[in-house]
C-alpha atoms as a PDB file:
ATOM      1  CA  UNK A   1       0.000   0.000   0.000  1.00  0.00           C
ATOM      2  CA  UNK A   2       1.538   3.296  -1.112  1.00  0.00           C
ATOM      3  CA  UNK A   3       0.582   6.945  -0.996  1.00  0.00           C
ATOM      4  CA  UNK A   4      -2.088   8.835   0.855  1.00  0.00           C
ATOM      5  CA  UNK A   5      -5.210  10.822   0.073  1.00  0.00           C
ATOM      6  CA  UNK A   6      -8.900  10.311  -0.508  1.00  0.00           C
ATOM      7  CA  UNK A   7      -8.646   8.296  -3.730  1.00  0.00           C
ATOM      8  CA  UNK A   8      -7.886   4.579  -3.592  1.00  0.00           C
ATOM      9  CA  UNK A   9      -6.328   3.158  -6.764  1.00  0.00           C
ATOM     10  CA  UNK A  10      -6.238  -0.617  -7.258  1.00  0.00           C
ATOM     11  CA  UNK A  11      -4.978  -2.841 -10.051  1.00  0.00           C
ATOM     12  CA  UNK A  12      -7.977  -5.145 -10.428  1.00  0.00           C
ATOM     13  CA  UNK A  13      -7.344  -8.792 -11.331  1.00  0.00           C
ATOM     14  CA  UNK A  14      -9.526 -10.554 -13.860  1.00  0.00           C
ATOM     15  CA  UNK A  15      -7.541 -13.806 -13.721  1.00  0.00           C
ATOM     16  CA  UNK A  16      -9.643 -15.297 -10.914  1.00  0.00           C
ATOM     17  CA  UNK A  17     -12.619 -12.929 -11.296  1.00  0.00           C
ATOM     18  CA  UNK A  18     -11.688 -11.188  -8.045  1.00  0.00           C
ATOM     19  CA  UNK A  19     -12.281  -7.849  -9.767  1.00  0.00           C
ATOM     20  CA  UNK A  20     -15.980  -8.573  -9.375  1.00  0.00           C
ATOM     21  CA  UNK A  21     -15.566  -7.655  -5.692  1.00  0.00           C
ATOM     22  CA  UNK A  22     -14.963  -3.988  -6.508  1.00  0.00           C
ATOM     23  CA  UNK A  23     -17.574  -1.283  -7.033  1.00  0.00           C
ATOM     24  CA  UNK A  24     -15.417   1.501  -8.488  1.00  0.00           C
ATOM     25  CA  UNK A  25     -16.391   5.086  -9.184  1.00  0.00           C
ATOM     26  CA  UNK A  26     -13.966   5.068 -12.099  1.00  0.00           C
ATOM     27  CA  UNK A  27     -12.898   1.902 -13.936  1.00  0.00           C
ATOM     28  CA  UNK A  28     -10.197   1.678 -16.602  1.00  0.00           C
ATOM     29  CA  UNK A  29     -10.121  -1.157 -19.146  1.00  0.00           C
ATOM     30  CA  UNK A  30      -6.926  -1.174 -21.215  1.00  0.00           C
ATOM     31  CA  UNK A  31      -7.616  -4.263 -23.309  1.00  0.00           C
ATOM     32  CA  UNK A  32      -9.635  -7.449 -23.377  1.00  0.00           C
ATOM     33  CA  UNK A  33      -8.186 -10.677 -24.747  1.00  0.00           C
ATOM     34  CA  UNK A  34      -8.040 -14.369 -23.954  1.00  0.00           C
ATOM     35  CA  UNK A  35      -5.678 -15.249 -21.125  1.00  0.00           C
ATOM     36  CA  UNK A  36      -5.751 -17.190 -17.849  1.00  0.00           C
ATOM     37  CA  UNK A  37      -6.748 -20.311 -19.717  1.00  0.00           C
ATOM     38  CA  UNK A  38      -7.218 -22.380 -16.572  1.00  0.00           C
ATOM     39  CA  UNK A  39     -10.139 -20.096 -15.641  1.00  0.00           C
ATOM     40  CA  UNK A  40     -11.499 -18.957 -19.006  1.00  0.00           C
ATOM     41  CA  UNK A  41     -12.301 -21.318 -21.860  1.00  0.00           C
ATOM     42  CA  UNK A  42     -13.358 -18.755 -24.463  1.00  0.00           C
ATOM     43  CA  UNK A  43     -13.585 -15.081 -25.327  1.00  0.00           C
ATOM     44  CA  UNK A  44     -17.291 -15.200 -24.509  1.00  0.00           C
ATOM     45  CA  UNK A  45     -16.375 -16.109 -20.929  1.00  0.00           C
ATOM     46  CA  UNK A  46     -13.850 -13.264 -20.850  1.00  0.00           C
ATOM     47  CA  UNK A  47     -16.430 -10.778 -22.131  1.00  0.00           C
ATOM     48  CA  UNK A  48     -19.024 -11.984 -19.635  1.00  0.00           C
ATOM     49  CA  UNK A  49     -16.551 -11.511 -16.802  1.00  0.00           C
ATOM     50  CA  UNK A  50     -15.646  -7.991 -17.900  1.00  0.00           C
ATOM     51  CA  UNK A  51     -19.324  -7.139 -18.366  1.00  0.00           C
ATOM     52  CA  UNK A  52     -19.898  -8.092 -14.731  1.00  0.00           C
ATOM     53  CA  UNK A  53     -17.002  -5.837 -13.714  1.00  0.00           C
ATOM     54  CA  UNK A  54     -18.374  -2.905 -15.720  1.00  0.00           C
ATOM     55  CA  UNK A  55     -21.861  -3.464 -14.305  1.00  0.00           C
ATOM     56  CA  UNK A  56     -20.382  -2.886 -10.850  1.00  0.00           C
ATOM     57  CA  UNK A  57     -19.231   0.648 -11.653  1.00  0.00           C
ATOM     58  CA  UNK A  58     -21.101   2.990  -9.315  1.00  0.00           C
ATOM     59  CA  UNK A  59     -24.070   4.958 -10.610  1.00  0.00           C
ATOM     60  CA  UNK A  60     -22.826   8.230 -12.003  1.00  0.00           C
ATOM     61  CA  UNK A  61     -19.348   6.758 -12.372  1.00  0.00           C
ATOM     62  CA  UNK A  62     -17.064   6.567 -15.389  1.00  0.00           C
ATOM     63  CA  UNK A  63     -15.690   3.769 -17.537  1.00  0.00           C
ATOM     64  CA  UNK A  64     -12.432   4.716 -19.282  1.00  0.00           C
ATOM     65  CA  UNK A  65     -11.749   2.218 -22.062  1.00  0.00           C
ATOM     66  CA  UNK A  66      -9.452   1.826 -25.058  1.00  0.00           C
ATOM     67  CA  UNK A  67     -10.790   2.855 -28.453  1.00  0.00           C
ATOM     68  CA  UNK A  68      -7.983   0.980 -30.223  1.00  0.00           C
ATOM     69  CA  UNK A  69      -7.995  -2.554 -28.849  1.00  0.00           C
ATOM     70  CA  UNK A  70     -10.603  -4.646 -30.641  1.00  0.00           C
ATOM     71  CA  UNK A  71     -11.484  -6.598 -27.517  1.00  0.00           C
ATOM     72  CA  UNK A  72     -12.103  -3.367 -25.625  1.00  0.00           C
ATOM     73  CA  UNK A  73     -14.196  -1.968 -28.474  1.00  0.00           C
ATOM     74  CA  UNK A  74     -16.287  -5.140 -28.481  1.00  0.00           C
ATOM     75  CA  UNK A  75     -16.784  -4.818 -24.723  1.00  0.00           C
ATOM     76  CA  UNK A  76     -17.927  -1.223 -25.231  1.00  0.00           C
ATOM     77  CA  UNK A  77     -20.494  -2.467 -27.744  1.00  0.00           C
ATOM     78  CA  UNK A  78     -21.700  -5.151 -25.358  1.00  0.00           C
ATOM     79  CA  UNK A  79     -22.065  -3.241 -22.121  1.00  0.00           C
ATOM     80  CA  UNK A  80     -25.224  -1.492 -21.042  1.00  0.00           C
ATOM     81  CA  UNK A  81     -23.680   1.137 -18.836  1.00  0.00           C
ATOM     82  CA  UNK A  82     -26.894   2.709 -17.562  1.00  0.00           C
ATOM     83  CA  UNK A  83     -25.955   6.117 -16.197  1.00  0.00           C
ATOM     84  CA  UNK A  84     -22.239   5.272 -16.258  1.00  0.00           C
ATOM     85  CA  UNK A  85     -20.308   7.638 -18.504  1.00  0.00           C
ATOM     86  CA  UNK A  86     -18.092   5.906 -21.069  1.00  0.00           C
ATOM     87  CA  UNK A  87     -14.880   7.738 -22.054  1.00  0.00           C
ATOM     88  CA  UNK A  88     -12.753   6.211 -24.810  1.00  0.00           C
ATOM     89  CA  UNK A  89      -9.095   6.981 -25.433  1.00  0.00           C
ATOM     90  CA  UNK A  90      -6.472   6.055 -28.010  1.00  0.00           C
ATOM     91  CA  UNK A  91      -5.289   6.657 -31.561  1.00  0.00           C
ATOM     92  CA  UNK A  92      -8.713   6.028 -33.081  1.00  0.00           C
ATOM     93  CA  UNK A  93     -10.344   9.066 -34.694  1.00  0.00           C
ATOM     94  CA  UNK A  94     -13.521   8.476 -32.698  1.00  0.00           C
ATOM     95  CA  UNK A  95     -11.721   8.390 -29.322  1.00  0.00           C
ATOM     96  CA  UNK A  96     -12.980  10.889 -26.766  1.00  0.00           C
ATOM     97  CA  UNK A  97      -9.389  11.510 -25.659  1.00  0.00           C
ATOM     98  CA  UNK A  98      -7.418  11.125 -28.859  1.00  0.00           C
ATOM     99  CA  UNK A  99      -3.685  10.463 -28.954  1.00  0.00           C
ATOM    100  CA  UNK A 100      -2.224  12.763 -31.602  1.00  0.00           C
ATOM    101  CA  UNK A 101       1.423  11.781 -31.240  1.00  0.00           C
ATOM    102  CA  UNK A 102       3.885   9.806 -29.135  1.00  0.00           C
ATOM    103  CA  UNK A 103       7.479  10.901 -29.690  1.00  0.00           C
ATOM    104  CA  UNK A 104      10.160   8.666 -28.106  1.00  0.00           C
ATOM    105  CA  UNK A 105      12.873  10.556 -26.241  1.00  0.00           C
ATOM    106  CA  UNK A 106      15.243   7.892 -24.980  1.00  0.00           C
ATOM    107  CA  UNK A 107      13.538   6.182 -22.047  1.00  0.00           C
ATOM    108  CA  UNK A 108      10.786   8.829 -22.054  1.00  0.00           C
ATOM    109  CA  UNK A 109       8.061   9.916 -24.468  1.00  0.00           C
ATOM    110  CA  UNK A 110       6.443  13.228 -25.320  1.00  0.00           C
ATOM    111  CA  UNK A 111       2.715  12.675 -25.694  1.00  0.00           C
ATOM    112  CA  UNK A 112       0.171  15.011 -27.273  1.00  0.00           C
ATOM    113  CA  UNK A 113      -3.551  14.364 -26.928  1.00  0.00           C
ATOM    114  CA  UNK A 114      -6.714  16.141 -27.951  1.00  0.00           C
ATOM    115  CA  UNK A 115      -8.912  16.664 -24.902  1.00  0.00           C
ATOM    116  CA  UNK A 116     -12.205  18.548 -25.143  1.00  0.00           C
ATOM    117  CA  UNK A 117     -11.144  19.950 -28.497  1.00  0.00           C
ATOM    118  CA  UNK A 118      -7.784  21.307 -27.334  1.00  0.00           C
ATOM    119  CA  UNK A 119      -4.270  19.829 -27.540  1.00  0.00           C
ATOM    120  CA  UNK A 120      -2.366  18.930 -24.391  1.00  0.00           C
ATOM    121  CA  UNK A 121       1.283  17.846 -24.379  1.00  0.00           C
ATOM    122  CA  UNK A 122       2.978  16.086 -21.492  1.00  0.00           C
ATOM    123  CA  UNK A 123       5.937  13.834 -20.777  1.00  0.00           C
ATOM    124  CA  UNK A 124       5.767  10.162 -19.819  1.00  0.00           C
ATOM    125  CA  UNK A 125       8.924   9.141 -17.970  1.00  0.00           C
ATOM    126  CA  UNK A 126       8.774   5.451 -18.874  1.00  0.00           C
ATOM    127  CA  UNK A 127       9.478   4.055 -22.356  1.00  0.00           C
ATOM    128  CA  UNK A 128       7.008   2.616 -24.808  1.00  0.00           C
ATOM    129  CA  UNK A 129       3.899   3.551 -26.708  1.00  0.00           C
ATOM    130  CA  UNK A 130       1.814   1.247 -24.513  1.00  0.00           C
ATOM    131  CA  UNK A 131       2.889   3.132 -21.386  1.00  0.00           C
ATOM    132  CA  UNK A 132       2.071   6.397 -23.132  1.00  0.00           C
ATOM    133  CA  UNK A 133      -1.439   5.079 -23.759  1.00  0.00           C
ATOM    134  CA  UNK A 134      -1.696   3.931 -20.146  1.00  0.00           C
ATOM    135  CA  UNK A 135      -0.814   7.481 -19.106  1.00  0.00           C
ATOM    136  CA  UNK A 136      -3.584   8.827 -21.340  1.00  0.00           C
ATOM    137  CA  UNK A 137      -6.027   6.458 -19.635  1.00  0.00           C
ATOM    138  CA  UNK A 138      -4.845   7.770 -16.252  1.00  0.00           C
ATOM    139  CA  UNK A 139      -5.285  11.325 -17.529  1.00  0.00           C
ATOM    140  CA  UNK A 140      -8.873  10.568 -18.540  1.00  0.00           C
ATOM    141  CA  UNK A 141      -9.553   8.989 -15.151  1.00  0.00           C
ATOM    142  CA  UNK A 142      -8.131  12.010 -13.349  1.00  0.00           C
ATOM    143  CA  UNK A 143     -10.292  14.373 -15.358  1.00  0.00           C
ATOM    144  CA  UNK A 144     -13.319  12.188 -14.559  1.00  0.00           C
ATOM    145  CA  UNK A 145     -12.488  12.662 -10.872  1.00  0.00           C
ATOM    146  CA  UNK A 146     -12.486  16.426 -11.296  1.00  0.00           C
ATOM    147  CA  UNK A 147      -8.762  17.149 -11.514  1.00  0.00           C
ATOM    148  CA  UNK A 148      -7.834  19.754 -14.152  1.00  0.00           C
ATOM    149  CA  UNK A 149      -5.794  18.298 -16.991  1.00  0.00           C
ATOM    150  CA  UNK A 150      -3.157  21.008 -16.554  1.00  0.00           C
ATOM    151  CA  UNK A 151      -2.505  19.715 -13.031  1.00  0.00           C
ATOM    152  CA  UNK A 152      -2.403  16.096 -14.141  1.00  0.00           C
ATOM    153  CA  UNK A 153       0.294  16.627 -16.781  1.00  0.00           C
ATOM    154  CA  UNK A 154       3.205  17.300 -14.364  1.00  0.00           C
ATOM    155  CA  UNK A 155       2.030  14.470 -12.121  1.00  0.00           C
ATOM    156  CA  UNK A 156       2.188  12.048 -15.045  1.00  0.00           C
ATOM    157  CA  UNK A 157       5.700  13.251 -15.868  1.00  0.00           C
ATOM    158  CA  UNK A 158       6.772  12.592 -12.272  1.00  0.00           C
ATOM    159  CA  UNK A 159       5.773   8.927 -12.500  1.00  0.00           C
ATOM    160  CA  UNK A 160       8.889   6.830 -13.129  1.00  0.00           C
ATOM    161  CA  UNK A 161       7.412   3.336 -13.148  1.00  0.00           C
ATOM    162  CA  UNK A 162       7.255   0.399 -10.764  1.00  0.00           C
ATOM    163  CA  UNK A 163       9.286  -2.723 -10.200  1.00  0.00           C
ATOM    164  CA  UNK A 164       9.472  -5.269 -13.024  1.00  0.00           C
ATOM    165  CA  UNK A 165       7.824  -2.997 -15.592  1.00  0.00           C
ATOM    166  CA  UNK A 166      10.820  -2.180 -17.794  1.00  0.00           C
ATOM    167  CA  UNK A 167      12.793  -1.505 -14.636  1.00  0.00           C
ATOM    168  CA  UNK A 168      16.456  -0.662 -15.134  1.00  0.00           C
ATOM    169  CA  UNK A 169      18.345  -3.034 -12.848  1.00  0.00           C
ATOM    170  CA  UNK A 170      21.783  -1.642 -13.603  1.00  0.00           C
ATOM    171  CA  UNK A 171      24.636  -1.424 -16.071  1.00  0.00           C
ATOM    172  CA  UNK A 172      27.933  -3.296 -16.304  1.00  0.00           C
ATOM    173  CA  UNK A 173      30.541  -3.432 -19.070  1.00  0.00           C
ATOM    174  CA  UNK A 174      28.401  -1.046 -21.095  1.00  0.00           C
ATOM    175  CA  UNK A 175      25.405  -3.411 -21.012  1.00  0.00           C
ATOM    176  CA  UNK A 176      22.108  -2.298 -19.474  1.00  0.00           C
ATOM    177  CA  UNK A 177      19.956  -4.959 -17.793  1.00  0.00           C
ATOM    178  CA  UNK A 178      16.224  -4.264 -17.697  1.00  0.00           C
ATOM    179  CA  UNK A 179      13.497  -6.313 -16.020  1.00  0.00           C
ATOM    180  CA  UNK A 180      10.188  -6.912 -17.795  1.00  0.00           C
ATOM    181  CA  UNK A 181       7.114  -8.589 -16.300  1.00  0.00           C
ATOM    182  CA  UNK A 182       5.744  -9.359 -19.768  1.00  0.00           C
ATOM    183  CA  UNK A 183       4.504 -12.945 -20.022  1.00  0.00           C
ATOM    184  CA  UNK A 184       1.659 -12.707 -22.557  1.00  0.00           C
ATOM    185  CA  UNK A 185       2.516 -12.280 -26.261  1.00  0.00           C
ATOM    186  CA  UNK A 186       0.845  -8.875 -26.449  1.00  0.00           C
ATOM    187  CA  UNK A 187       2.860  -7.655 -23.467  1.00  0.00           C
ATOM    188  CA  UNK A 188       6.064  -9.139 -24.849  1.00  0.00           C
ATOM    189  CA  UNK A 189       5.580  -7.383 -28.171  1.00  0.00           C
ATOM    190  CA  UNK A 190       4.766  -4.062 -26.497  1.00  0.00           C
ATOM    191  CA  UNK A 191       7.841  -4.140 -24.255  1.00  0.00           C
ATOM    192  CA  UNK A 192      10.129  -5.176 -27.100  1.00  0.00           C
ATOM    193  CA  UNK A 193       8.753  -2.396 -29.300  1.00  0.00           C
ATOM    194  CA  UNK A 194       9.362   0.049 -26.448  1.00  0.00           C
ATOM    195  CA  UNK A 195      12.937  -1.106 -26.079  1.00  0.00           C
ATOM    196  CA  UNK A 196      13.520  -0.914 -29.819  1.00  0.00           C
ATOM    197  CA  UNK A 197      12.273   2.672 -29.901  1.00  0.00           C
ATOM    198  CA  UNK A 198      14.508   3.568 -26.956  1.00  0.00           C
ATOM    199  CA  UNK A 199      17.562   1.590 -28.027  1.00  0.00           C
ATOM    200  CA  UNK A 200      17.771   2.548 -31.674  1.00  0.00           C
ATOM    201  CA  UNK A 201      20.412   0.354 -33.313  1.00  0.00           C
ATOM    202  CA  UNK A 202      21.544  -1.300 -30.068  1.00  0.00           C
ATOM    203  CA  UNK A 203      21.118  -5.068 -29.844  1.00  0.00           C
ATOM    204  CA  UNK A 204      18.324  -6.376 -27.636  1.00  0.00           C
ATOM    205  CA  UNK A 205      18.897  -9.720 -25.910  1.00  0.00           C
ATOM    206  CA  UNK A 206      16.029 -11.390 -24.051  1.00  0.00           C
ATOM    207  CA  UNK A 207      16.084 -13.939 -21.252  1.00  0.00           C
ATOM    208  CA  UNK A 208      12.509 -15.239 -21.383  1.00  0.00           C
ATOM    209  CA  UNK A 209      10.901 -17.513 -18.813  1.00  0.00           C
ATOM    210  CA  UNK A 210       7.447 -18.790 -19.845  1.00  0.00           C
ATOM    211  CA  UNK A 211       4.827 -18.513 -17.106  1.00  0.00           C
ATOM    212  CA  UNK A 212       2.260 -21.302 -16.611  1.00  0.00           C
ATOM    213  CA  UNK A 213       1.829 -24.523 -18.554  1.00  0.00           C
ATOM    214  CA  UNK A 214      -1.725 -23.625 -19.582  1.00  0.00           C
ATOM    215  CA  UNK A 215      -0.655 -20.282 -21.049  1.00  0.00           C
ATOM    216  CA  UNK A 216       2.242 -21.898 -22.901  1.00  0.00           C
ATOM    217  CA  UNK A 217      -0.069 -24.579 -24.276  1.00  0.00           C
ATOM    218  CA  UNK A 218      -2.458 -21.978 -25.687  1.00  0.00           C
ATOM    219  CA  UNK A 219      -0.075 -19.160 -26.627  1.00  0.00           C
ATOM    220  CA  UNK A 220       3.333 -20.788 -27.108  1.00  0.00           C
ATOM    221  CA  UNK A 221       3.335 -20.092 -30.847  1.00  0.00           C
ATOM    222  CA  UNK A 222       2.543 -16.418 -30.305  1.00  0.00           C
ATOM    223  CA  UNK A 223       5.212 -16.143 -27.599  1.00  0.00           C
ATOM    224  CA  UNK A 224       7.789 -17.548 -29.979  1.00  0.00           C
ATOM    225  CA  UNK A 225       6.744 -15.151 -32.719  1.00  0.00           C
ATOM    226  CA  UNK A 226       7.013 -12.220 -30.306  1.00  0.00           C
ATOM    227  CA  UNK A 227      10.668 -13.078 -29.709  1.00  0.00           C
ATOM    228  CA  UNK A 228      11.478 -12.280 -33.337  1.00  0.00           C
ATOM    229  CA  UNK A 229      11.623  -8.625 -32.248  1.00  0.00           C
ATOM    230  CA  UNK A 230      14.766  -9.389 -30.219  1.00  0.00           C
ATOM    231  CA  UNK A 231      18.234  -9.828 -31.678  1.00  0.00           C
ATOM    232  CA  UNK A 232      18.751 -12.958 -29.609  1.00  0.00           C
ATOM    233  CA  UNK A 233      16.839 -14.823 -26.920  1.00  0.00           C
ATOM    234  CA  UNK A 234      17.437 -17.376 -24.222  1.00  0.00           C
ATOM    235  CA  UNK A 235      14.320 -19.389 -23.379  1.00  0.00           C
ATOM    236  CA  UNK A 236      14.154 -21.031 -19.961  1.00  0.00           C
ATOM    237  CA  UNK A 237      11.949 -23.839 -18.714  1.00  0.00           C
ATOM    238  CA  UNK A 238       8.343 -23.013 -17.838  1.00  0.00           C
ATOM    239  CA  UNK A 239       7.754 -21.415 -14.448  1.00  0.00           C
ATOM    240  CA  UNK A 240       4.845 -23.488 -13.098  1.00  0.00           C
ATOM    241  CA  UNK A 241       3.564 -21.106 -10.399  1.00  0.00           C
ATOM    242  CA  UNK A 242       0.326 -22.705  -9.201  1.00  0.00           C
ATOM    243  CA  UNK A 243       0.028 -25.329 -11.950  1.00  0.00           C
ATOM    244  CA  UNK A 244       0.977 -28.960 -12.396  1.00  0.00           C
ATOM    245  CA  UNK A 245       2.801 -29.933 -15.602  1.00  0.00           C
ATOM    246  CA  UNK A 246       0.747 -30.689 -18.703  1.00  0.00           C
ATOM    247  CA  UNK A 247       2.057 -33.648 -20.747  1.00  0.00           C
ATOM    248  CA  UNK A 248       3.825 -32.489 -23.874  1.00  0.00           C
ATOM    249  CA  UNK A 249       3.850 -28.822 -22.868  1.00  0.00           C
ATOM    250  CA  UNK A 250       7.392 -27.485 -22.505  1.00  0.00           C
ATOM    251  CA  UNK A 251       9.307 -24.395 -23.538  1.00  0.00           C
ATOM    252  CA  UNK A 252      10.186 -26.268 -26.738  1.00  0.00           C
ATOM    253  CA  UNK A 253       6.790 -25.149 -28.078  1.00  0.00           C
ATOM    254  CA  UNK A 254       8.021 -21.563 -27.875  1.00  0.00           C
ATOM    255  CA  UNK A 255      11.505 -22.352 -29.143  1.00  0.00           C
ATOM    256  CA  UNK A 256      10.190 -24.212 -32.192  1.00  0.00           C
ATOM    257  CA  UNK A 257       7.760 -21.405 -33.033  1.00  0.00           C
ATOM    258  CA  UNK A 258      10.452 -18.766 -32.591  1.00  0.00           C
ATOM    259  CA  UNK A 259      12.881 -20.570 -34.863  1.00  0.00           C
ATOM    260  CA  UNK A 260      10.180 -21.168 -37.453  1.00  0.00           C
ATOM    261  CA  UNK A 261       9.564 -17.414 -37.458  1.00  0.00           C
ATOM    262  CA  UNK A 262      13.263 -16.686 -37.919  1.00  0.00           C
ATOM    263  CA  UNK A 263      14.251 -15.799 -34.361  1.00  0.00           C
ATOM    264  CA  UNK A 264      17.693 -16.536 -32.911  1.00  0.00           C
ATOM    265  CA  UNK A 265      16.846 -18.617 -29.835  1.00  0.00           C
ATOM    266  CA  UNK A 266      18.947 -20.616 -27.388  1.00  0.00           C
ATOM    267  CA  UNK A 267      17.331 -22.978 -24.850  1.00  0.00           C
ATOM    268  CA  UNK A 268      18.760 -22.852 -21.323  1.00  0.00           C
ATOM    269  CA  UNK A 269      17.396 -25.438 -18.909  1.00  0.00           C
ATOM    270  CA  UNK A 270      19.496 -24.532 -15.867  1.00  0.00           C
ATOM    271  CA  UNK A 271      19.028 -20.971 -14.608  1.00  0.00           C
ATOM    272  CA  UNK A 272      22.476 -21.181 -13.028  1.00  0.00           C
ATOM    273  CA  UNK A 273      23.941 -21.079 -16.550  1.00  0.00           C
ATOM    274  CA  UNK A 274      22.124 -17.947 -17.697  1.00  0.00           C
ATOM    275  CA  UNK A 275      24.566 -15.319 -16.423  1.00  0.00           C
ATOM    276  CA  UNK A 276      27.555 -16.934 -18.112  1.00  0.00           C
ATOM    277  CA  UNK A 277      25.664 -17.470 -21.378  1.00  0.00           C
ATOM    278  CA  UNK A 278      24.518 -13.848 -21.443  1.00  0.00           C
ATOM    279  CA  UNK A 279      28.014 -12.606 -20.606  1.00  0.00           C
ATOM    280  CA  UNK A 280      29.321 -14.583 -23.570  1.00  0.00           C
ATOM    281  CA  UNK A 281      26.751 -13.029 -25.911  1.00  0.00           C
ATOM    282  CA  UNK A 282      26.481  -9.421 -24.751  1.00  0.00           C
ATOM    283  CA  UNK A 283      28.653  -6.564 -25.973  1.00  0.00           C
ATOM    284  CA  UNK A 284      28.942  -2.951 -24.841  1.00  0.00           C
ATOM    285  CA  UNK A 285      25.865  -1.036 -25.950  1.00  0.00           C
ATOM    286  CA  UNK A 286      23.509  -4.027 -25.780  1.00  0.00           C
ATOM    287  CA  UNK A 287      20.288  -4.148 -23.772  1.00  0.00           C
ATOM    288  CA  UNK A 288      19.434  -7.329 -21.865  1.00  0.00           C
ATOM    289  CA  UNK A 289      15.811  -7.941 -20.847  1.00  0.00           C
ATOM    290  CA  UNK A 290      14.911 -10.501 -18.212  1.00  0.00           C
ATOM    291  CA  UNK A 291      11.310 -11.197 -19.200  1.00  0.00           C
ATOM    292  CA  UNK A 292       8.529 -13.118 -17.473  1.00  0.00           C
ATOM    293  CA  UNK A 293       6.301 -13.208 -14.406  1.00  0.00           C
ATOM    294  CA  UNK A 294       8.275 -15.872 -12.523  1.00  0.00           C
ATOM    295  CA  UNK A 295      11.629 -15.818 -10.758  1.00  0.00           C
ATOM    296  CA  UNK A 296      13.524 -14.756 -13.884  1.00  0.00           C
ATOM    297  CA  UNK A 297      13.693 -11.357 -12.191  1.00  0.00           C
ATOM    298  CA  UNK A 298      16.310 -12.798  -9.825  1.00  0.00           C
ATOM    299  CA  UNK A 299      18.731 -13.258 -12.717  1.00  0.00           C
ATOM    300  CA  UNK A 300      19.276  -9.553 -13.365  1.00  0.00           C
ATOM    301  CA  UNK A 301      21.753  -8.990 -10.508  1.00  0.00           C
ATOM    302  CA  UNK A 302      23.562 -12.238 -11.360  1.00  0.00           C
ATOM    303  CA  UNK A 303      23.955 -11.143 -14.976  1.00  0.00           C
ATOM    304  CA  UNK A 304      25.297  -7.761 -13.872  1.00  0.00           C
ATOM    305  CA  UNK A 305      27.780  -9.403 -11.515  1.00  0.00           C
ATOM    306  CA  UNK A 306      29.036 -11.692 -14.257  1.00  0.00           C
ATOM    307  CA  UNK A 307      29.334  -8.854 -16.772  1.00  0.00           C
ATOM    308  CA  UNK A 308      31.341  -6.811 -14.276  1.00  0.00           C
ATOM    309  CA  UNK A 309      34.027  -9.504 -13.905  1.00  0.00           C
END
């Protein structure tokens, strides 16, 4: 629990439907797509779950939702919001808060939006177009709560991110090590695009640890294809978390798909070997991403130590 004040902000979790316990005054939906396959068998089940969440928005409240993501647009079409105000945001021409431009500036972005017919420019101090869009969603939520947009802009610029969301862990031998929580193909692609925009011509090396057998079974091909955006990848064994193994489901599903798509991928089955393998691959100027929702995050300091020797 962080911060103080009269507004409580929570990251609601759809994975186990626990977000049905909230009755928010303002709800933000960034995207809607199939995930958490142990709990959802189809997109219809996903939509039904999100519809229940939206139905719990307080009377007179606001739903802030993406105008770009097809799943979010479909949810907007499906919901009967009653007296809940729906505010859309994004690149789409019909967005209520329209993103006019996102200009990368190293690990930051300059964002310009059209709000109530007027342009507003502000800085987002974390890299990536997806984080810029998240900031626009936060801007829309703040305005819905009665905060003037001019006051929100410097607050958004002051936000420097949280742990495991493209978090810079350190630098050694001219190599930056960054931690990414991305474990779904859409997230992987977004973070890799963010790093490419920030890194320019620098090489991007990924240490990817798949998360959950069920997710790998359903999305292994897409995970492998996402890794084509990196210049080289190490793929670890699946982090099981709460799941038991599924026969025939291993990280080889991802590796095979990545290679079929043209990616340079190396399997590493023992995490103890990762630091030395990365040190043998990385050169000054490279970016190394430890990517996944499991304990791959622990490898960042080990990689830095090995690079420093």
